[in-house]
Protein backbone atom coordinates (compact mmCIF):
# COMPACT_ATOMS: atom_id res chain seq x y z
CA MET A 1 28.76 93.06 15.40
CA ALA A 2 28.51 89.89 17.77
CA GLU A 3 27.48 86.39 17.24
CA LEU A 4 25.40 84.56 19.48
CA ARG A 5 23.90 80.67 19.86
CA LEU A 6 21.07 80.86 21.64
CA LEU A 7 18.59 77.41 22.61
CA GLN A 8 15.21 78.06 24.56
CA LEU A 9 13.83 74.31 25.64
CA ASN A 10 11.15 73.45 28.29
CA ILE A 11 13.00 70.84 30.40
CA GLU A 12 9.84 69.44 31.92
CA TYR A 13 9.53 69.50 35.66
CA GLY A 14 13.43 70.18 36.22
CA GLY A 15 14.37 67.67 33.56
CA THR A 16 14.36 64.78 35.78
CA GLY A 17 11.38 62.68 34.50
CA VAL A 18 13.28 60.87 31.68
CA ASP A 19 17.24 61.41 32.68
CA PHE A 20 18.79 64.54 34.17
CA ASP A 21 22.14 63.97 32.45
CA LYS A 22 20.07 64.29 28.41
CA VAL A 23 19.20 67.61 29.67
CA VAL A 24 22.68 68.48 30.59
CA GLU A 25 23.72 66.57 27.14
CA ALA A 26 21.20 68.66 25.16
CA ILE A 27 22.77 72.18 26.30
CA GLU A 28 25.70 70.86 25.29
CA VAL A 29 25.15 69.25 21.96
CA SER A 30 23.55 72.65 20.91
CA GLY A 31 26.68 74.45 21.30
CA ALA A 32 24.69 77.53 22.53
CA THR A 33 26.62 80.50 24.42
CA VAL A 34 23.15 81.08 26.32
CA ALA A 35 20.29 78.79 27.26
CA ALA A 36 16.75 80.23 28.29
CA LEU A 37 14.79 77.16 30.33
CA GLN A 38 11.54 76.88 31.56
CA GLU A 39 10.15 74.27 34.40
CA GLY A 40 13.77 74.66 36.19
CA CYS A 41 11.72 73.71 39.18
CA GLY A 42 14.81 74.13 41.60
CA SER A 43 17.49 72.65 38.86
CA MET A 44 18.92 75.74 37.45
CA PRO A 45 22.07 76.01 39.68
CA ARG A 46 22.47 72.23 39.11
CA ILE A 47 22.32 72.30 35.46
CA ALA A 48 24.98 75.22 35.72
CA ASP A 49 27.18 72.94 37.72
CA ALA A 50 26.88 70.49 35.50
CA LEU A 51 28.04 72.45 32.35
CA ASP A 52 30.20 74.08 34.10
CA TRP A 53 28.83 77.38 33.22
CA PRO A 54 29.74 80.25 35.45
CA TYR A 55 26.53 81.91 35.20
CA VAL A 56 22.83 81.23 36.11
CA ASP A 57 20.02 83.27 37.04
CA ASN A 58 17.15 81.69 38.91
CA ARG A 59 14.98 84.48 38.52
CA THR A 60 14.49 84.30 34.92
CA GLN A 61 15.98 80.64 34.06
CA VAL A 62 18.82 81.65 32.24
CA VAL A 63 22.04 79.85 32.17
CA SER A 64 25.40 81.29 30.44
CA GLN A 65 28.76 80.96 29.40
CA VAL A 66 29.05 84.93 29.41
CA PRO A 67 28.00 87.49 32.13
CA LEU A 68 24.22 87.86 33.27
CA LEU A 69 23.02 91.13 34.57
CA ASP A 70 20.32 92.23 36.71
CA PRO A 71 18.18 95.01 35.31
CA PRO A 72 17.94 98.30 37.48
CA ALA A 73 14.42 96.98 38.28
CA ALA A 74 14.87 93.11 38.19
CA SER A 75 11.09 92.70 36.97
CA ASP A 76 9.12 91.17 34.28
CA GLY A 77 11.23 88.15 33.38
CA VAL A 78 14.07 90.30 31.53
CA VAL A 79 18.15 89.76 31.83
CA PHE A 80 20.67 91.26 30.19
CA VAL A 81 23.53 89.16 28.62
CA GLU A 82 26.89 90.68 28.21
CA LEU A 83 28.31 89.94 24.92
CA GLU A 84 31.05 92.18 25.07
CA PRO A 85 32.40 94.17 27.68
CA GLY A 86 30.24 96.60 28.79
CA ARG A 87 27.83 96.13 25.66
CA VAL A 88 24.35 94.18 26.23
CA LEU A 89 21.66 92.45 24.84
CA ALA A 90 18.40 91.90 26.90
CA ILE A 91 16.49 88.33 26.95
CA VAL A 92 12.92 88.20 28.56
CA ASN A 93 11.74 84.40 29.32
CA VAL A 94 8.12 83.97 29.37
CA HIS A 95 5.92 80.95 30.44
CA PRO A 96 2.24 81.67 30.39
CA PRO A 97 0.06 79.32 32.00
CA SER A 98 -0.98 75.86 29.96
CA ARG A 99 -4.60 75.71 31.65
CA GLY A 100 -7.53 76.01 28.76
CA TYR A 101 -5.02 75.25 26.07
CA GLY A 102 -6.40 77.11 23.31
CA PRO A 103 -5.92 74.18 19.94
CA PHE A 104 -8.03 71.65 22.15
CA ARG A 105 -11.02 74.17 22.05
CA VAL A 106 -10.70 75.48 18.58
CA ALA A 107 -13.10 72.53 16.78
CA ASP A 108 -15.46 72.38 19.64
CA GLU A 109 -16.11 76.11 21.02
CA PRO A 110 -17.03 79.46 19.45
CA VAL A 111 -13.97 81.58 18.09
CA LYS A 112 -15.03 84.50 20.44
CA ARG A 113 -15.12 82.04 23.34
CA VAL A 114 -11.34 81.02 22.59
CA ASP A 115 -10.17 84.26 22.08
CA ARG A 116 -11.56 85.82 25.20
CA ARG A 117 -9.43 82.84 27.43
CA GLU A 118 -6.41 83.53 25.35
CA ARG A 119 -6.54 86.79 26.18
CA ARG A 120 -7.61 86.26 29.99
CA VAL A 121 -5.18 83.70 30.74
CA ARG A 122 -2.21 83.43 28.43
CA LEU A 123 -1.82 87.59 26.87
CA SER A 124 -2.31 88.93 30.19
CA HIS A 125 0.31 87.07 31.83
CA VAL A 126 2.69 87.85 28.50
CA GLN A 127 1.47 91.58 28.32
CA PRO A 128 4.00 92.85 31.26
CA SER A 129 7.13 91.17 29.25
CA LEU A 130 5.92 92.69 26.07
CA ASP A 131 5.59 96.28 27.72
CA ALA A 132 9.06 95.68 28.89
CA ALA A 133 10.51 94.66 25.73
CA ARG A 134 8.84 97.71 23.87
CA ALA A 135 10.32 99.83 26.58
CA LEU A 136 14.08 98.09 26.01
CA MET A 137 13.76 98.51 22.09
CA ASP A 138 12.74 102.39 22.81
CA ASP A 139 16.10 102.47 24.43
CA ARG A 140 17.58 100.98 21.89
CA VAL A 141 18.18 97.80 23.35
CA PRO A 142 18.51 94.43 21.46
CA VAL A 143 15.63 92.42 23.01
CA ILE A 144 14.61 88.57 22.57
CA LEU A 145 11.60 87.54 23.81
CA LEU A 146 11.02 83.73 24.02
CA GLY A 147 9.68 80.87 25.52
CA ASP A 148 7.04 77.99 26.01
CA PHE A 149 3.84 80.48 25.12
CA ASN A 150 1.35 77.65 25.62
CA ALA A 151 -0.39 78.95 22.47
CA PRO A 152 0.65 78.29 18.76
CA SER A 153 0.88 81.66 16.14
CA HIS A 154 -1.60 83.08 13.72
CA ARG A 155 1.10 82.37 11.09
CA ASP A 156 0.85 78.95 11.54
CA TRP A 157 -3.32 78.65 11.59
CA THR A 158 -3.76 80.05 8.52
CA ASP A 159 -6.02 79.35 5.37
CA ALA A 160 -3.51 77.45 3.79
CA THR A 161 -2.79 75.28 6.81
CA VAL A 162 -6.49 74.57 7.45
CA GLY A 163 -6.55 70.53 7.40
CA SER A 164 -3.13 70.11 7.65
CA ARG A 165 -3.33 68.41 11.33
CA PRO A 166 -6.49 67.36 12.59
CA HIS A 167 -7.29 70.05 15.05
CA VAL A 168 -6.59 73.10 12.64
CA VAL A 169 -10.14 73.72 11.50
CA ARG A 170 -10.06 77.06 10.58
CA ALA A 171 -7.84 80.35 10.57
CA PHE A 172 -6.87 81.72 13.86
CA LYS A 173 -5.54 84.92 14.88
CA TRP A 174 -3.87 83.83 18.27
CA PRO A 175 -3.73 87.11 20.60
CA THR A 176 -0.30 86.15 22.19
CA SER A 177 1.50 86.29 18.42
CA VAL A 178 -0.28 88.97 17.32
CA ALA A 179 0.63 91.10 20.01
CA ALA A 180 4.00 90.08 19.69
CA GLU A 181 4.07 91.41 16.24
CA GLU A 182 2.33 94.76 17.13
CA THR A 183 5.02 95.59 20.01
CA GLY A 184 7.62 95.50 16.96
CA LEU A 185 9.58 92.02 17.56
CA VAL A 186 9.65 89.35 14.79
CA ASP A 187 9.19 85.64 15.04
CA ALA A 188 12.73 84.14 14.51
CA TYR A 189 11.72 80.55 13.10
CA ARG A 190 9.38 82.33 10.63
CA ALA A 191 11.82 85.32 9.53
CA VAL A 192 14.01 81.57 8.52
CA TYR A 193 10.98 79.62 7.36
CA PRO A 194 8.11 81.90 6.22
CA ASP A 195 6.10 79.01 4.48
CA PRO A 196 4.12 77.25 7.69
CA VAL A 197 3.10 74.51 5.22
CA THR A 198 6.89 73.60 3.90
CA HIS A 199 8.32 74.07 7.38
CA PRO A 200 5.72 73.75 10.26
CA GLY A 201 7.91 73.65 12.84
CA LEU A 202 6.35 71.82 15.51
CA THR A 203 7.57 72.11 19.15
CA TRP A 204 4.61 70.13 20.96
CA PRO A 205 4.38 67.28 22.13
CA ALA A 206 7.92 65.82 21.53
CA GLU A 207 7.78 61.82 21.54
CA ARG A 208 10.27 61.41 24.58
CA PRO A 209 10.27 57.96 26.40
CA PHE A 210 7.47 57.30 28.65
CA VAL A 211 6.73 58.52 32.09
CA LYS A 212 4.75 57.95 34.98
CA GLY A 213 1.95 60.89 34.66
CA TYR A 214 1.61 63.08 31.70
CA ASN A 215 2.78 61.47 28.57
CA PRO A 216 0.94 64.46 25.73
CA ALA A 217 2.56 62.30 22.56
CA ALA A 218 1.70 59.06 23.56
CA ASP A 219 -1.81 60.26 24.24
CA GLY A 220 -2.04 61.57 20.60
CA HIS A 221 -2.19 65.44 21.75
CA ALA A 222 -2.46 67.74 18.84
CA GLU A 223 0.79 68.76 17.49
CA ASP A 224 1.84 72.67 17.14
CA ARG A 225 4.38 74.91 17.65
CA ILE A 226 3.97 76.60 20.76
CA ASP A 227 7.86 77.82 21.58
CA PHE A 228 8.95 80.59 20.03
CA MET A 229 12.07 83.29 19.54
CA TYR A 230 10.85 87.14 19.22
CA VAL A 231 13.31 89.28 18.14
CA SER A 232 14.00 93.09 17.91
CA PRO A 233 14.17 94.16 14.40
CA ASP A 234 18.36 94.97 14.86
CA ILE A 235 18.86 91.69 15.24
CA ASN A 236 19.73 89.68 11.96
CA VAL A 237 18.15 86.01 12.71
CA GLU A 238 20.92 83.77 10.67
CA ASP A 239 20.15 80.07 11.30
CA MET A 240 16.91 78.48 13.03
CA ARG A 241 17.29 74.97 14.55
CA ILE A 242 15.08 72.56 15.84
CA MET A 243 16.25 70.45 18.42
CA GLY A 244 14.38 67.13 19.38
CA GLU A 245 13.79 63.27 19.55
CA SER A 246 15.54 61.16 16.20
CA GLU A 247 12.45 60.17 15.56
CA SER A 248 10.68 63.41 14.71
CA PRO A 249 10.88 64.80 11.22
CA TYR A 250 11.00 68.55 12.46
CA SER A 251 14.09 67.73 14.42
CA ASP A 252 17.21 69.22 12.48
CA LEU A 253 19.56 68.17 15.77
CA SER A 254 18.97 65.24 18.19
CA ILE A 255 20.13 63.32 21.22
CA THR A 256 18.52 59.99 22.48
CA PRO A 257 16.39 59.34 24.44
CA TRP A 258 15.34 63.26 24.12
CA PRO A 259 14.51 63.92 27.71
CA THR A 260 11.42 66.22 27.41
CA ASP A 261 7.86 66.93 26.02
CA HIS A 262 8.99 69.72 24.22
CA ARG A 263 11.23 70.69 21.37
CA GLY A 264 14.06 73.32 21.49
CA LEU A 265 15.06 76.23 19.30
CA LEU A 266 18.27 77.09 18.64
CA ALA A 267 19.16 80.29 16.97
CA GLU A 268 22.14 81.64 15.12
CA LEU A 269 22.07 85.43 15.46
CA ARG A 270 23.83 88.44 14.85
CA LEU A 271 23.54 91.54 16.51
CA GLU A 272 24.97 94.86 17.60
CA PRO A 273 24.93 94.76 21.38
CA ALA A 274 23.73 97.98 23.11
CA PRO A 275 25.63 100.05 25.80
CA ALA A 276 24.50 99.08 29.03
CA PRO A 277 22.25 101.02 30.87
CA ALA A 278 23.49 102.65 34.13
CA LEU A 279 23.20 99.87 36.76
CA VAL A 280 25.04 97.47 39.59
CA SER A 281 25.25 94.07 39.39
CA VAL A 282 25.73 91.61 42.30
CA SER A 283 26.73 88.16 41.36
CA ARG A 284 23.71 86.70 43.48
CA ARG A 285 20.77 88.52 44.84
CA ILE A 286 20.54 86.91 47.96
CA VAL A 287 23.66 84.89 50.14
CA PRO A 288 24.61 83.15 53.46
CA LEU A 289 26.31 85.45 55.70
CA GLY A 290 30.13 84.98 54.96
CA ASP A 291 29.93 84.02 51.40
CA ASP A 292 31.73 86.69 49.21
CA VAL A 293 29.62 88.28 46.49
CA GLU A 294 30.87 90.04 43.26
CA VAL A 295 29.86 93.36 42.38
CA ARG A 296 30.52 95.30 38.94
CA VAL A 297 29.22 98.63 37.62
CA LEU A 298 27.96 99.06 34.29
CA GLY A 299 26.92 102.15 31.94
CA ALA A 300 28.62 104.75 34.75
CA SER A 301 31.53 105.85 35.94
CA ALA A 302 31.83 104.66 39.48
CA ALA A 303 34.42 105.98 42.41
CA SER A 304 33.17 103.59 44.97
CA VAL A 305 30.63 101.20 45.90
CA VAL A 306 29.37 101.42 49.52
CA VAL A 307 26.34 99.21 51.35
CA VAL A 308 23.76 100.83 53.10
CA PRO A 309 20.55 99.56 54.74
CA HIS A 310 17.61 99.18 52.17
CA ASP A 311 16.23 101.95 50.93
CA ALA A 312 18.84 104.90 52.74
CA GLU A 313 20.53 107.69 51.70
CA ALA A 314 23.58 106.53 50.18
CA GLU A 315 25.55 108.46 52.62
CA THR A 316 23.76 106.09 55.18
CA VAL A 317 27.39 103.94 54.37
CA VAL A 318 27.30 100.35 56.21
CA PHE A 319 30.15 99.06 54.41
CA GLU A 320 32.55 100.56 51.86
CA VAL A 321 33.86 97.73 49.50
CA PRO A 322 37.33 97.90 48.58
CA ALA A 323 39.22 99.14 45.43
CA PRO A 324 38.01 97.04 42.33
CA ASP A 325 40.23 94.87 40.90
CA ALA A 326 39.73 95.19 37.20
CA GLY A 327 36.66 97.09 37.44
CA ARG A 328 35.20 94.28 39.82
CA TRP A 329 34.76 94.99 43.59
CA HIS A 330 34.88 91.94 45.93
CA LEU A 331 32.10 92.61 48.63
CA ALA A 332 32.79 90.40 52.23
CA THR A 333 29.33 89.88 53.79
CA GLU A 334 31.09 89.27 57.04
CA PHE A 335 31.85 92.95 57.31
CA VAL A 336 28.07 94.06 56.53
CA GLY A 337 26.18 91.48 58.79
CA ALA A 338 23.18 89.63 58.08
CA GLY A 339 20.17 92.00 56.80
CA GLN A 340 18.66 93.38 54.12
CA PHE A 341 20.71 96.11 52.09
CA ASP A 342 21.29 98.17 48.90
CA VAL A 343 24.65 97.91 47.25
CA VAL A 344 25.63 101.75 45.96
CA ALA A 345 27.57 102.95 43.06
CA ARG A 346 28.75 106.55 43.55
CA ASP A 347 30.78 108.92 41.46
CA GLU A 348 33.72 111.26 42.26
CA ASP A 349 31.53 113.30 43.95
CA ARG A 350 30.16 110.53 46.66
CA LYS A 351 26.78 111.16 44.14
CA GLU A 352 24.71 108.05 43.58
CA VAL A 353 24.74 106.55 40.29
CA ALA A 354 23.49 103.55 40.63
CA ARG A 355 21.99 101.01 43.12
CA THR A 356 20.63 97.09 43.33
CA ARG A 357 19.23 95.50 46.15
CA LEU A 358 20.98 92.44 48.60
CA TRP A 359 20.03 90.28 50.69
CA VAL A 360 22.61 88.71 53.42
CA ALA A 361 21.13 85.53 55.46
CA GLY A 362 21.69 84.66 58.93
CA PRO A 363 21.44 81.66 60.61
CA GLY A 364 17.91 82.79 61.77
CA ASP A 365 16.57 84.06 58.15
CA GLN A 366 14.68 81.29 57.16
CA PRO A 367 12.07 81.18 54.25
CA SER A 368 8.62 82.53 55.81
CA VAL A 369 5.34 82.88 55.09
CA HIS A 370 2.59 84.52 57.07
CA THR A 371 -1.23 85.77 56.59
CA ASP A 372 -2.13 88.87 58.74
CA ARG A 373 -4.61 87.34 60.66
CA ALA A 374 -4.99 83.81 62.67
CA ARG A 375 -9.04 84.40 61.88
CA TYR A 376 -11.14 85.90 58.76
CA ALA A 377 -14.64 86.04 58.28
CA SER A 378 -16.04 84.50 55.10
CA GLY A 379 -15.63 86.45 52.37
CA GLU A 380 -12.67 88.91 53.96
CA PRO A 381 -9.42 89.10 51.89
CA ILE A 382 -6.59 86.96 52.98
CA GLY A 383 -3.33 88.90 53.19
CA VAL A 384 -0.03 87.02 53.00
CA ARG A 385 3.66 88.36 53.37
CA TRP A 386 6.73 86.03 52.51
CA SER A 387 10.54 86.69 53.18
CA TRP A 388 14.23 84.76 52.46
CA THR A 389 12.06 83.07 49.66
CA PRO A 390 14.94 81.65 47.18
CA GLY A 391 14.24 83.92 44.83
CA ASN A 392 13.05 81.04 42.15
CA ARG A 393 11.00 82.32 38.90
CA ALA A 394 8.03 80.04 40.08
CA ASP A 395 8.12 80.23 43.66
CA TRP A 396 4.06 80.47 44.78
CA ILE A 397 1.73 80.62 47.63
CA ALA A 398 -1.05 78.04 47.84
CA ILE A 399 -3.51 77.64 50.24
CA TYR A 400 -4.59 74.37 51.17
CA PRO A 401 -7.20 72.41 53.78
CA ARG A 402 -5.27 72.04 56.91
CA GLY A 403 -3.18 68.84 57.26
CA VAL A 404 -3.19 67.55 53.71
CA ASP A 405 -0.14 66.44 51.98
CA VAL A 406 0.89 69.32 49.69
CA GLY A 407 2.50 67.32 47.23
CA GLY A 408 -0.46 64.94 46.80
CA GLN A 409 -3.55 67.43 46.26
CA ARG A 410 -4.31 70.42 44.09
CA PRO A 411 -4.24 73.72 46.02
CA THR A 412 -7.62 75.54 47.10
CA MET A 413 -6.09 78.33 45.32
CA HIS A 414 -2.54 80.25 44.69
CA LEU A 415 -0.53 83.00 43.71
CA ALA A 416 2.85 83.80 42.45
CA THR A 417 5.66 85.70 44.27
CA ALA A 418 6.92 87.09 41.04
CA ALA A 419 10.40 85.87 42.03
CA THR A 420 10.74 88.01 44.97
CA ILE A 421 12.29 87.40 47.87
CA GLU A 422 10.35 89.23 50.25
CA GLY A 423 6.80 90.44 49.22
CA ALA A 424 3.03 90.60 50.06
CA ALA A 425 -0.42 90.00 48.54
CA SER A 426 -3.83 89.30 48.68
CA PHE A 427 -6.50 86.46 47.97
CA SER A 428 -9.34 88.20 47.54
CA GLU A 429 -12.53 88.18 45.11
CA ALA A 430 -10.61 90.36 42.83
CA SER A 431 -7.83 88.08 42.45
CA HIS A 432 -9.41 84.78 42.72
CA ARG A 433 -13.18 85.04 41.27
CA ARG A 434 -13.55 81.61 40.16
CA ARG A 435 -12.69 80.18 43.95
CA TRP A 436 -13.38 82.85 45.97
CA PRO A 437 -15.06 82.76 49.02
CA LEU A 438 -13.19 80.35 50.77
CA GLU A 439 -15.45 77.75 52.60
CA PRO A 440 -15.66 78.05 56.57
CA GLY A 441 -12.80 75.35 57.69
CA GLU A 442 -8.97 75.03 58.79
CA TYR A 443 -6.65 76.16 56.29
CA THR A 444 -2.81 76.34 55.86
CA ALA A 445 -1.11 78.97 53.60
CA HIS A 446 2.52 77.25 52.30
CA LEU A 447 5.34 79.09 50.55
CA LEU A 448 6.11 76.46 47.79
CA MET A 449 9.39 76.17 45.55
CA ASP A 450 9.96 77.01 42.19
CA ASP A 451 6.53 75.27 40.94
CA LEU A 452 6.79 72.18 42.79
CA ARG A 453 4.69 71.05 45.55
CA VAL A 454 7.54 71.20 48.02
CA SER A 455 6.71 73.10 51.13
CA LEU A 456 9.21 75.81 52.47
CA ALA A 457 7.30 77.41 54.96
CA SER A 458 3.26 77.78 56.17
CA SER A 459 1.00 79.86 58.38
CA ASP A 460 -1.75 78.34 59.67
CA PHE A 461 -5.45 80.35 59.40
CA SER A 462 -9.28 79.61 59.55
CA VAL A 463 -12.07 80.75 58.12
CA GLY A 464 -15.37 81.04 59.86
């Protein structure tokens, strides 16, 4: 059995609002081996550097002292953690939207309306990750689904807790928590503290120092437990603690000042990690030309590793990576060149056993976004393509009226890149029903970085 100390923490807009160093201190004080964060906002590499931790995954916002490995299909917020050589568990990090926050509405809206909104806004966001967790459990891989869910639990809103806080006016089956348990996952905090009356475990809002802008604790917002770890039944939850401000009765571990509006969850877990599935892992998905990349092959016997053009057959070799050093291949991209490639592991018969994607950025490869046309008739779908993004978890595409300051105004509409380095999507009535169509006028589509209003690239178009 392996032991893992795991921290889950929403660091609030990159952790810079109060004191970035205190975010780092909180992770250090936790004693965690792995930390799954939300609202990284471009700060993940900086956090890893400050901790001197060797592994960081911008796609899932996880930092670690032990290796992190992308799954064969890097989607749905899943990352593998190699706890023992060749043996892994899976972490699925989620952060659904906060709009239409349910606890603010329960007292004043019909239950069915609140339930519909929760299913539309939050459960629809989490469902792909629940499906991924179910598939992992079916493959006997231990899995932890965690994050800031922006919704409470049905285990906390019970007949026994009605009236315990002013906004808890009735028992309520919050759809995301019900769905997580129907998937077969276990609420780790409630596994240790089953009684929500004696141990409410409230995680939001934390009473951190006042900052310019949003101060939910100072504004008297309703307290609730909206940060969770759900674990597969094969994981033993030895202990759960809450990290937060020293003034809070819910904090088991604290630092001063507390740097974020959420309290964190710290878990002590015991589990049997599973043999890794057949996969090729690269240390970075996107690298500048000339940088070295570490390549590892797990779950399969590999006699060689080659680089081929993306989606090409394994025999279409651009470069064969030299023999491994202690099971790790080192790829010097200067011998590969710039472009989009697949790194392929082959067995002794030169048969492909696993592959992964690699982007090598040359001097001219910069983030870009383009609409599929320069002018649209009112109501026509607006196609967008992006490429050479940083691949952050929350990179996004937003449409603004042309010429406005993206940092000072909400976008007209937006969509997520889903941490893809290149991809395509459409703005249409189907995807943006409530804001569709765009009024006639001049617009700009911006590629924005990691939940920030920082434009990396833009493309002008008009609607007439």
